[in-house]
Amino acid sequence: MTRQIISANCRDGRGFTLLEVLIALVILSVGALGLLSLAGLSTGYQQDAVFRARAVAAAEDLSGRVRANPAGLAAYTGTGLAAGCTSSQLPAVRCDPATLAGDDLAGWHSRHLGRLPDPSADIRLRSDEKPPVLELSLSWQSRGRFHHLSRWLGP
């Protein structure tokens, strides 16, 4: 029968020293802080992507309205006044192309620009192009940065 001698000596290499445990905790803490900062950055970038998608949807909506009313192209550069225009099948106000453009623009402003932080929209007629087109410049601020979207709209 063999006897095993259990040594009470601390220098035999079993276990961790307090210094090793503290170094491991520091390394794990730095890694956890890095992950938290990445989570914050990804949330900010996700919000930027949401605002850009809203801006693209606004540009597409206005583009469809311009294509549906090519005779009122020049009137889309105004400020837009809600006129309550409708198609000829409903009992409401029938509008000429310029008034319809103003009505479209007023509705577009109320539907889309309120969904962007600190928005600004500029619509210019590019009559030097053949056929003439509208240039939409849409800008907003998010997380202290300026964002911009530019599209050409036309028939």
N, C-alpha and C. Protein backbone atom coordinates (compact mmCIF):
# COMPACT_ATOMS: atom_id res chain seq x y z
N MET A 1 0.83 -1.15 0.00
CA MET A 1 0.00 0.00 0.00
C MET A 1 0.89 1.24 0.00
N THR A 2 0.57 2.11 -0.85
CA THR A 2 1.37 3.33 -0.97
C THR A 2 0.67 4.47 -0.26
N ARG A 3 1.47 5.22 0.35
CA ARG A 3 0.93 6.39 1.03
C ARG A 3 1.19 7.64 0.21
N GLN A 4 0.22 8.46 0.22
CA GLN A 4 0.40 9.73 -0.48
C GLN A 4 0.54 10.81 0.58
N ILE A 5 1.56 11.61 0.38
CA ILE A 5 1.81 12.67 1.35
C ILE A 5 1.24 13.97 0.78
N ILE A 6 0.39 14.59 1.54
CA ILE A 6 -0.19 15.87 1.14
C ILE A 6 0.65 16.97 1.76
N SER A 7 1.13 17.81 0.90
CA SER A 7 2.00 18.89 1.36
C SER A 7 1.18 20.14 1.60
N ALA A 8 1.50 20.83 2.64
CA ALA A 8 0.84 22.08 2.96
C ALA A 8 1.67 23.26 2.45
N ASN A 9 2.62 22.95 1.62
CA ASN A 9 3.51 23.99 1.11
C ASN A 9 2.79 24.79 0.02
N CYS A 10 2.80 26.13 0.06
CA CYS A 10 2.11 26.99 -0.91
C CYS A 10 2.92 27.15 -2.18
N ARG A 11 4.14 26.72 -2.22
CA ARG A 11 4.99 26.92 -3.39
C ARG A 11 4.94 25.74 -4.35
N ASP A 12 3.99 24.90 -4.21
CA ASP A 12 3.96 23.73 -5.08
C ASP A 12 3.23 23.96 -6.40
N GLY A 13 2.67 25.19 -6.69
CA GLY A 13 2.10 25.53 -7.98
C GLY A 13 0.61 25.33 -8.10
N ARG A 14 -0.04 24.99 -7.04
CA ARG A 14 -1.49 24.84 -7.12
C ARG A 14 -2.17 26.16 -6.80
N GLY A 15 -3.30 26.49 -7.56
CA GLY A 15 -4.09 27.69 -7.26
C GLY A 15 -3.54 28.93 -7.95
N PHE A 16 -4.18 30.06 -7.68
CA PHE A 16 -3.80 31.34 -8.26
C PHE A 16 -3.38 32.28 -7.15
N THR A 17 -2.49 33.16 -7.52
CA THR A 17 -2.11 34.19 -6.55
C THR A 17 -3.07 35.36 -6.70
N LEU A 18 -3.09 36.22 -5.72
CA LEU A 18 -3.97 37.39 -5.75
C LEU A 18 -3.64 38.30 -6.92
N LEU A 19 -2.39 38.44 -7.26
CA LEU A 19 -1.96 39.29 -8.38
C LEU A 19 -2.50 38.75 -9.71
N GLU A 20 -2.48 37.45 -9.90
CA GLU A 20 -3.00 36.86 -11.13
C GLU A 20 -4.51 37.09 -11.26
N VAL A 21 -5.22 36.97 -10.16
CA VAL A 21 -6.65 37.20 -10.17
C VAL A 21 -6.96 38.66 -10.51
N LEU A 22 -6.22 39.60 -9.95
CA LEU A 22 -6.44 41.02 -10.23
C LEU A 22 -6.14 41.36 -11.68
N ILE A 23 -5.10 40.79 -12.24
CA ILE A 23 -4.76 41.04 -13.64
C ILE A 23 -5.86 40.49 -14.55
N ALA A 24 -6.39 39.33 -14.25
CA ALA A 24 -7.48 38.75 -15.04
C ALA A 24 -8.73 39.62 -14.95
N LEU A 25 -9.03 40.16 -13.77
CA LEU A 25 -10.19 41.04 -13.62
C LEU A 25 -10.02 42.33 -14.42
N VAL A 26 -8.82 42.89 -14.45
CA VAL A 26 -8.57 44.10 -15.23
C VAL A 26 -8.77 43.82 -16.73
N ILE A 27 -8.25 42.71 -17.20
CA ILE A 27 -8.39 42.36 -18.63
C ILE A 27 -9.86 42.15 -18.99
N LEU A 28 -10.60 41.45 -18.15
CA LEU A 28 -12.02 41.24 -18.40
C LEU A 28 -12.82 42.55 -18.35
N SER A 29 -12.45 43.44 -17.45
CA SER A 29 -13.15 44.73 -17.34
C SER A 29 -12.92 45.58 -18.58
N VAL A 30 -11.69 45.61 -19.10
CA VAL A 30 -11.40 46.37 -20.32
C VAL A 30 -12.19 45.79 -21.49
N GLY A 31 -12.28 44.49 -21.60
CA GLY A 31 -13.06 43.87 -22.66
C GLY A 31 -14.54 44.19 -22.55
N ALA A 32 -15.07 44.16 -21.33
CA ALA A 32 -16.50 44.47 -21.13
C ALA A 32 -16.79 45.92 -21.47
N LEU A 33 -15.89 46.84 -21.10
CA LEU A 33 -16.08 48.25 -21.45
C LEU A 33 -16.03 48.45 -22.96
N GLY A 34 -15.17 47.73 -23.64
CA GLY A 34 -15.11 47.80 -25.10
C GLY A 34 -16.40 47.34 -25.74
N LEU A 35 -16.96 46.25 -25.24
CA LEU A 35 -18.23 45.76 -25.76
C LEU A 35 -19.37 46.75 -25.52
N LEU A 36 -19.39 47.39 -24.35
CA LEU A 36 -20.42 48.38 -24.07
C LEU A 36 -20.32 49.58 -25.00
N SER A 37 -19.10 50.03 -25.28
CA SER A 37 -18.95 51.17 -26.18
C SER A 37 -19.37 50.80 -27.60
N LEU A 38 -19.08 49.58 -28.03
CA LEU A 38 -19.53 49.13 -29.35
C LEU A 38 -21.05 49.06 -29.43
N ALA A 39 -21.69 48.66 -28.35
CA ALA A 39 -23.15 48.60 -28.33
C ALA A 39 -23.74 50.00 -28.48
N GLY A 40 -23.14 50.98 -27.80
CA GLY A 40 -23.60 52.36 -27.93
C GLY A 40 -23.41 52.90 -29.33
N LEU A 41 -22.26 52.61 -29.94
CA LEU A 41 -22.01 53.07 -31.31
C LEU A 41 -22.97 52.42 -32.29
N SER A 42 -23.23 51.14 -32.14
CA SER A 42 -24.13 50.47 -33.07
C SER A 42 -25.55 51.01 -32.96
N THR A 43 -25.98 51.39 -31.76
CA THR A 43 -27.30 52.00 -31.60
C THR A 43 -27.37 53.33 -32.33
N GLY A 44 -26.32 54.12 -32.23
CA GLY A 44 -26.29 55.41 -32.94
C GLY A 44 -26.30 55.22 -34.44
N TYR A 45 -25.52 54.27 -34.95
CA TYR A 45 -25.51 54.02 -36.39
C TYR A 45 -26.85 53.47 -36.88
N GLN A 46 -27.50 52.68 -36.05
CA GLN A 46 -28.82 52.16 -36.40
C GLN A 46 -29.82 53.31 -36.52
N GLN A 47 -29.75 54.28 -35.61
CA GLN A 47 -30.65 55.43 -35.67
C GLN A 47 -30.37 56.26 -36.91
N ASP A 48 -29.09 56.43 -37.28
CA ASP A 48 -28.74 57.13 -38.52
C ASP A 48 -29.33 56.43 -39.74
N ALA A 49 -29.29 55.11 -39.74
CA ALA A 49 -29.85 54.35 -40.86
C ALA A 49 -31.37 54.52 -40.94
N VAL A 50 -32.03 54.60 -39.80
CA VAL A 50 -33.48 54.82 -39.79
C VAL A 50 -33.80 56.19 -40.39
N PHE A 51 -33.04 57.22 -40.00
CA PHE A 51 -33.29 58.56 -40.54
C PHE A 51 -33.00 58.61 -42.04
N ARG A 52 -31.95 57.93 -42.49
CA ARG A 52 -31.65 57.92 -43.92
C ARG A 52 -32.77 57.20 -44.70
N ALA A 53 -33.28 56.12 -44.15
CA ALA A 53 -34.39 55.41 -44.80
C ALA A 53 -35.63 56.29 -44.88
N ARG A 54 -35.89 57.08 -43.83
CA ARG A 54 -37.02 58.00 -43.86
C ARG A 54 -36.81 59.09 -44.92
N ALA A 55 -35.59 59.57 -45.05
CA ALA A 55 -35.30 60.59 -46.06
C ALA A 55 -35.46 60.03 -47.47
N VAL A 56 -35.00 58.82 -47.69
CA VAL A 56 -35.16 58.19 -49.00
C VAL A 56 -36.64 57.97 -49.31
N ALA A 57 -37.42 57.55 -48.31
CA ALA A 57 -38.86 57.37 -48.51
C ALA A 57 -39.54 58.70 -48.84
N ALA A 58 -39.10 59.77 -48.20
CA ALA A 58 -39.67 61.09 -48.49
C ALA A 58 -39.35 61.50 -49.92
N ALA A 59 -38.11 61.26 -50.35
CA ALA A 59 -37.72 61.61 -51.73
C ALA A 59 -38.50 60.78 -52.73
N GLU A 60 -38.70 59.50 -52.46
CA GLU A 60 -39.46 58.65 -53.37
C GLU A 60 -40.93 59.07 -53.44
N ASP A 61 -41.49 59.47 -52.29
CA ASP A 61 -42.87 59.93 -52.27
C ASP A 61 -43.03 61.18 -53.13
N LEU A 62 -42.14 62.14 -52.95
CA LEU A 62 -42.22 63.36 -53.76
C LEU A 62 -41.97 63.07 -55.23
N SER A 63 -41.08 62.14 -55.51
CA SER A 63 -40.80 61.78 -56.90
C SER A 63 -42.05 61.21 -57.58
N GLY A 64 -42.77 60.38 -56.88
CA GLY A 64 -44.00 59.82 -57.44
C GLY A 64 -45.05 60.89 -57.68
N ARG A 65 -45.14 61.86 -56.79
CA ARG A 65 -46.10 62.94 -56.95
C ARG A 65 -45.74 63.83 -58.14
N VAL A 66 -44.44 64.08 -58.32
CA VAL A 66 -43.99 64.89 -59.45
C VAL A 66 -44.27 64.16 -60.76
N ARG A 67 -44.01 62.86 -60.80
CA ARG A 67 -44.28 62.08 -62.01
C ARG A 67 -45.77 62.04 -62.34
N ALA A 68 -46.62 62.07 -61.33
CA ALA A 68 -48.06 62.04 -61.56
C ALA A 68 -48.61 63.39 -62.00
N ASN A 69 -47.87 64.46 -61.78
CA ASN A 69 -48.33 65.80 -62.12
C ASN A 69 -47.23 66.55 -62.89
N PRO A 70 -46.85 66.09 -64.08
CA PRO A 70 -45.75 66.75 -64.79
C PRO A 70 -46.07 68.16 -65.25
N ALA A 71 -47.33 68.49 -65.42
CA ALA A 71 -47.69 69.84 -65.85
C ALA A 71 -47.43 70.88 -64.76
N GLY A 72 -47.41 70.47 -63.52
CA GLY A 72 -47.18 71.39 -62.41
C GLY A 72 -45.75 71.36 -61.89
N LEU A 73 -44.80 70.95 -62.72
CA LEU A 73 -43.41 70.76 -62.29
C LEU A 73 -42.83 72.01 -61.64
N ALA A 74 -43.01 73.16 -62.24
CA ALA A 74 -42.41 74.38 -61.71
C ALA A 74 -43.02 74.78 -60.36
N ALA A 75 -44.25 74.40 -60.10
CA ALA A 75 -44.91 74.79 -58.85
C ALA A 75 -44.42 74.01 -57.65
N TYR A 76 -43.68 72.93 -57.85
CA TYR A 76 -43.14 72.16 -56.72
C TYR A 76 -42.00 72.87 -56.02
N THR A 77 -41.53 73.97 -56.56
CA THR A 77 -40.44 74.70 -55.91
C THR A 77 -40.96 75.68 -54.88
N GLY A 78 -42.27 75.87 -54.75
CA GLY A 78 -42.83 76.82 -53.80
C GLY A 78 -42.86 76.26 -52.39
N THR A 79 -43.56 76.99 -51.54
CA THR A 79 -43.66 76.57 -50.14
C THR A 79 -44.76 75.55 -49.94
N GLY A 80 -45.73 75.52 -50.80
CA GLY A 80 -46.80 74.54 -50.72
C GLY A 80 -47.94 75.00 -49.84
N LEU A 81 -49.15 74.96 -50.36
CA LEU A 81 -50.35 75.32 -49.61
C LEU A 81 -51.36 74.19 -49.75
N ALA A 82 -51.91 73.75 -48.64
CA ALA A 82 -52.90 72.69 -48.68
C ALA A 82 -54.18 73.23 -49.30
N ALA A 83 -54.60 72.65 -50.41
CA ALA A 83 -55.79 73.11 -51.11
C ALA A 83 -56.91 72.08 -51.08
N GLY A 84 -56.65 70.91 -50.57
CA GLY A 84 -57.68 69.87 -50.51
C GLY A 84 -58.03 69.32 -51.88
N CYS A 85 -57.05 69.22 -52.75
CA CYS A 85 -57.29 68.73 -54.11
C CYS A 85 -57.62 67.24 -54.07
N THR A 86 -58.34 66.80 -55.07
CA THR A 86 -58.69 65.39 -55.18
C THR A 86 -58.87 65.05 -56.64
N SER A 87 -59.08 63.79 -56.90
CA SER A 87 -59.34 63.38 -58.28
C SER A 87 -60.75 63.81 -58.68
N SER A 88 -61.03 63.73 -59.95
CA SER A 88 -62.33 64.19 -60.45
C SER A 88 -63.48 63.29 -60.02
N GLN A 89 -63.21 62.14 -59.41
CA GLN A 89 -64.28 61.21 -59.05
C GLN A 89 -64.88 61.51 -57.67
N LEU A 90 -64.21 62.33 -56.87
CA LEU A 90 -64.71 62.61 -55.53
C LEU A 90 -65.27 64.03 -55.46
N PRO A 91 -66.25 64.28 -54.62
CA PRO A 91 -66.82 65.62 -54.51
C PRO A 91 -65.96 66.52 -53.62
N ALA A 92 -64.86 66.98 -54.13
CA ALA A 92 -63.99 67.90 -53.38
C ALA A 92 -63.44 68.93 -54.37
N VAL A 93 -62.45 69.64 -53.97
CA VAL A 93 -61.88 70.70 -54.79
C VAL A 93 -61.09 70.11 -55.96
N ARG A 94 -61.40 70.54 -57.16
CA ARG A 94 -60.61 70.15 -58.32
C ARG A 94 -59.59 71.25 -58.55
N CYS A 95 -58.36 70.84 -58.73
CA CYS A 95 -57.28 71.80 -58.82
C CYS A 95 -56.59 71.74 -60.17
N ASP A 96 -56.04 72.87 -60.56
CA ASP A 96 -55.19 72.89 -61.74
C ASP A 96 -53.83 72.30 -61.35
N PRO A 97 -52.94 72.01 -62.30
CA PRO A 97 -51.66 71.37 -61.97
C PRO A 97 -50.81 72.14 -60.95
N ALA A 98 -50.80 73.47 -61.02
CA ALA A 98 -50.00 74.25 -60.08
C ALA A 98 -50.55 74.17 -58.66
N THR A 99 -51.87 74.24 -58.52
CA THR A 99 -52.48 74.14 -57.19
C THR A 99 -52.31 72.74 -56.63
N LEU A 100 -52.42 71.73 -57.49
CA LEU A 100 -52.20 70.35 -57.06
C LEU A 100 -50.77 70.16 -56.57
N ALA A 101 -49.82 70.79 -57.25
CA ALA A 101 -48.42 70.71 -56.81
C ALA A 101 -48.25 71.34 -55.44
N GLY A 102 -48.89 72.48 -55.21
CA GLY A 102 -48.83 73.12 -53.90
C GLY A 102 -49.44 72.26 -52.82
N ASP A 103 -50.55 71.62 -53.15
CA ASP A 103 -51.22 70.73 -52.20
C ASP A 103 -50.35 69.50 -51.90
N ASP A 104 -49.76 68.94 -52.96
CA ASP A 104 -48.84 67.81 -52.78
C ASP A 104 -47.68 68.19 -51.88
N LEU A 105 -47.11 69.35 -52.12
CA LEU A 105 -45.94 69.80 -51.37
C LEU A 105 -46.28 70.06 -49.91
N ALA A 106 -47.45 70.65 -49.65
CA ALA A 106 -47.86 70.88 -48.26
C ALA A 106 -48.06 69.57 -47.52
N GLY A 107 -48.71 68.61 -48.17
CA GLY A 107 -48.89 67.29 -47.55
C GLY A 107 -47.57 66.57 -47.34
N TRP A 108 -46.66 66.71 -48.30
CA TRP A 108 -45.35 66.08 -48.20
C TRP A 108 -44.57 66.64 -47.01
N HIS A 109 -44.61 67.96 -46.86
CA HIS A 109 -43.93 68.59 -45.72
C HIS A 109 -44.48 68.06 -44.40
N SER A 110 -45.79 68.02 -44.27
CA SER A 110 -46.36 67.59 -42.99
C SER A 110 -46.15 66.10 -42.72
N ARG A 111 -46.13 65.27 -43.77
CA ARG A 111 -45.97 63.82 -43.56
C ARG A 111 -44.52 63.42 -43.30
N HIS A 112 -43.59 64.05 -43.97
CA HIS A 112 -42.23 63.53 -43.94
C HIS A 112 -41.23 64.35 -43.13
N LEU A 113 -41.30 65.65 -43.19
CA LEU A 113 -40.25 66.44 -42.54
C LEU A 113 -40.32 66.38 -41.03
N GLY A 114 -41.49 66.08 -40.46
CA GLY A 114 -41.60 65.95 -39.01
C GLY A 114 -40.97 64.66 -38.49
N ARG A 115 -40.61 63.75 -39.38
CA ARG A 115 -40.04 62.47 -38.96
C ARG A 115 -38.51 62.49 -38.95
N LEU A 116 -37.93 63.66 -39.30
CA LEU A 116 -36.47 63.81 -39.29
C LEU A 116 -36.08 64.85 -38.25
N PRO A 117 -34.94 64.68 -37.58
CA PRO A 117 -34.52 65.68 -36.60
C PRO A 117 -33.90 66.90 -37.28
N ASP A 118 -34.43 68.07 -36.95
CA ASP A 118 -33.94 69.35 -37.46
C ASP A 118 -33.80 69.34 -38.99
N PRO A 119 -34.93 69.08 -39.71
CA PRO A 119 -34.84 68.91 -41.16
C PRO A 119 -34.82 70.23 -41.92
N SER A 120 -34.34 70.14 -43.14
CA SER A 120 -34.35 71.26 -44.06
C SER A 120 -34.49 70.68 -45.46
N ALA A 121 -35.41 71.26 -46.25
CA ALA A 121 -35.64 70.77 -47.61
C ALA A 121 -35.56 71.94 -48.58
N ASP A 122 -34.87 71.72 -49.67
CA ASP A 122 -34.75 72.74 -50.71
C ASP A 122 -35.05 72.06 -52.04
N ILE A 123 -36.01 72.61 -52.78
CA ILE A 123 -36.40 72.04 -54.07
C ILE A 123 -36.19 73.11 -55.13
N ARG A 124 -35.35 72.81 -56.10
CA ARG A 124 -35.04 73.77 -57.17
C ARG A 124 -35.37 73.16 -58.52
N LEU A 125 -35.84 74.00 -59.42
CA LEU A 125 -36.12 73.58 -60.79
C LEU A 125 -34.85 73.68 -61.61
N ARG A 126 -34.45 72.59 -62.23
CA ARG A 126 -33.27 72.57 -63.11
C ARG A 126 -33.76 72.65 -64.54
N SER A 127 -34.00 73.87 -65.02
CA SER A 127 -34.53 74.05 -66.37
C SER A 127 -33.45 73.88 -67.43
N ASP A 128 -32.17 73.82 -67.01
CA ASP A 128 -31.09 73.59 -67.97
C ASP A 128 -31.05 72.15 -68.46
N GLU A 129 -31.72 71.24 -67.73
CA GLU A 129 -31.78 69.84 -68.14
C GLU A 129 -32.91 69.65 -69.14
N LYS A 130 -32.77 68.67 -70.01
CA LYS A 130 -33.82 68.34 -70.98
C LYS A 130 -34.28 66.92 -70.75
N PRO A 131 -35.48 66.64 -70.35
CA PRO A 131 -36.52 67.57 -69.92
C PRO A 131 -36.18 68.17 -68.56
N PRO A 132 -36.81 69.30 -68.20
CA PRO A 132 -36.52 69.92 -66.90
C PRO A 132 -36.83 68.96 -65.74
N VAL A 133 -36.03 69.04 -64.70
CA VAL A 133 -36.21 68.19 -63.53
C VAL A 133 -36.14 69.05 -62.28
N LEU A 134 -36.55 68.47 -61.17
CA LEU A 134 -36.42 69.12 -59.88
C LEU A 134 -35.23 68.51 -59.14
N GLU A 135 -34.51 69.34 -58.41
CA GLU A 135 -33.43 68.85 -57.57
C GLU A 135 -33.85 69.01 -56.11
N LEU A 136 -33.98 67.90 -55.41
CA LEU A 136 -34.37 67.89 -54.00
C LEU A 136 -33.12 67.74 -53.15
N SER A 137 -32.91 68.69 -52.26
CA SER A 137 -31.82 68.59 -51.28
C SER A 137 -32.45 68.51 -49.91
N LEU A 138 -32.29 67.40 -49.26
CA LEU A 138 -32.88 67.15 -47.95
C LEU A 138 -31.75 66.96 -46.95
N SER A 139 -31.79 67.70 -45.85
CA SER A 139 -30.73 67.57 -44.85
C SER A 139 -31.35 67.52 -43.45
N TRP A 140 -30.61 66.91 -42.53
CA TRP A 140 -31.05 66.77 -41.14
C TRP A 140 -29.81 66.59 -40.27
N GLN A 141 -30.01 66.76 -38.97
CA GLN A 141 -28.91 66.58 -38.02
C GLN A 141 -29.23 65.43 -37.08
N SER A 142 -28.24 64.60 -36.85
CA SER A 142 -28.40 63.47 -35.95
C SER A 142 -27.08 63.22 -35.24
N ARG A 143 -27.14 63.06 -33.94
CA ARG A 143 -25.95 62.82 -33.11
C ARG A 143 -24.87 63.88 -33.34
N GLY A 144 -25.31 65.12 -33.55
CA GLY A 144 -24.37 66.22 -33.71
C GLY A 144 -23.71 66.28 -35.08
N ARG A 145 -24.16 65.47 -36.01
CA ARG A 145 -23.57 65.46 -37.35
C ARG A 145 -24.62 65.86 -38.37
N PHE A 146 -24.17 66.47 -39.45
CA PHE A 146 -25.03 66.94 -40.53
C PHE A 146 -25.11 65.85 -41.59
N HIS A 147 -26.33 65.50 -42.00
CA HIS A 147 -26.55 64.48 -43.03
C HIS A 147 -27.28 65.12 -44.21
N HIS A 148 -27.01 64.62 -45.40
CA HIS A 148 -27.57 65.24 -46.60
C HIS A 148 -27.96 64.16 -47.61
N LEU A 149 -29.10 64.40 -48.27
CA LEU A 149 -29.57 63.51 -49.34
C LEU A 149 -29.98 64.41 -50.50
N SER A 150 -29.52 64.09 -51.68
CA SER A 150 -29.85 64.87 -52.87
C SER A 150 -30.38 63.93 -53.95
N ARG A 151 -31.51 64.31 -54.56
CA ARG A 151 -32.12 63.50 -55.61
C ARG A 151 -32.65 64.41 -56.71
N TRP A 152 -32.63 63.91 -57.93
CA TRP A 152 -33.27 64.59 -59.05
C TRP A 152 -34.61 63.94 -59.27
N LEU A 153 -35.64 64.77 -59.36
CA LEU A 153 -37.00 64.29 -59.54
C LEU A 153 -37.56 64.85 -60.83
N GLY A 154 -38.25 64.04 -61.57
CA GLY A 154 -38.83 64.56 -62.78
C GLY A 154 -39.70 63.54 -63.49
N PRO A 155 -40.37 64.02 -64.53
CA PRO A 155 -41.27 63.14 -65.27
C PRO A 155 -40.51 62.10 -66.07
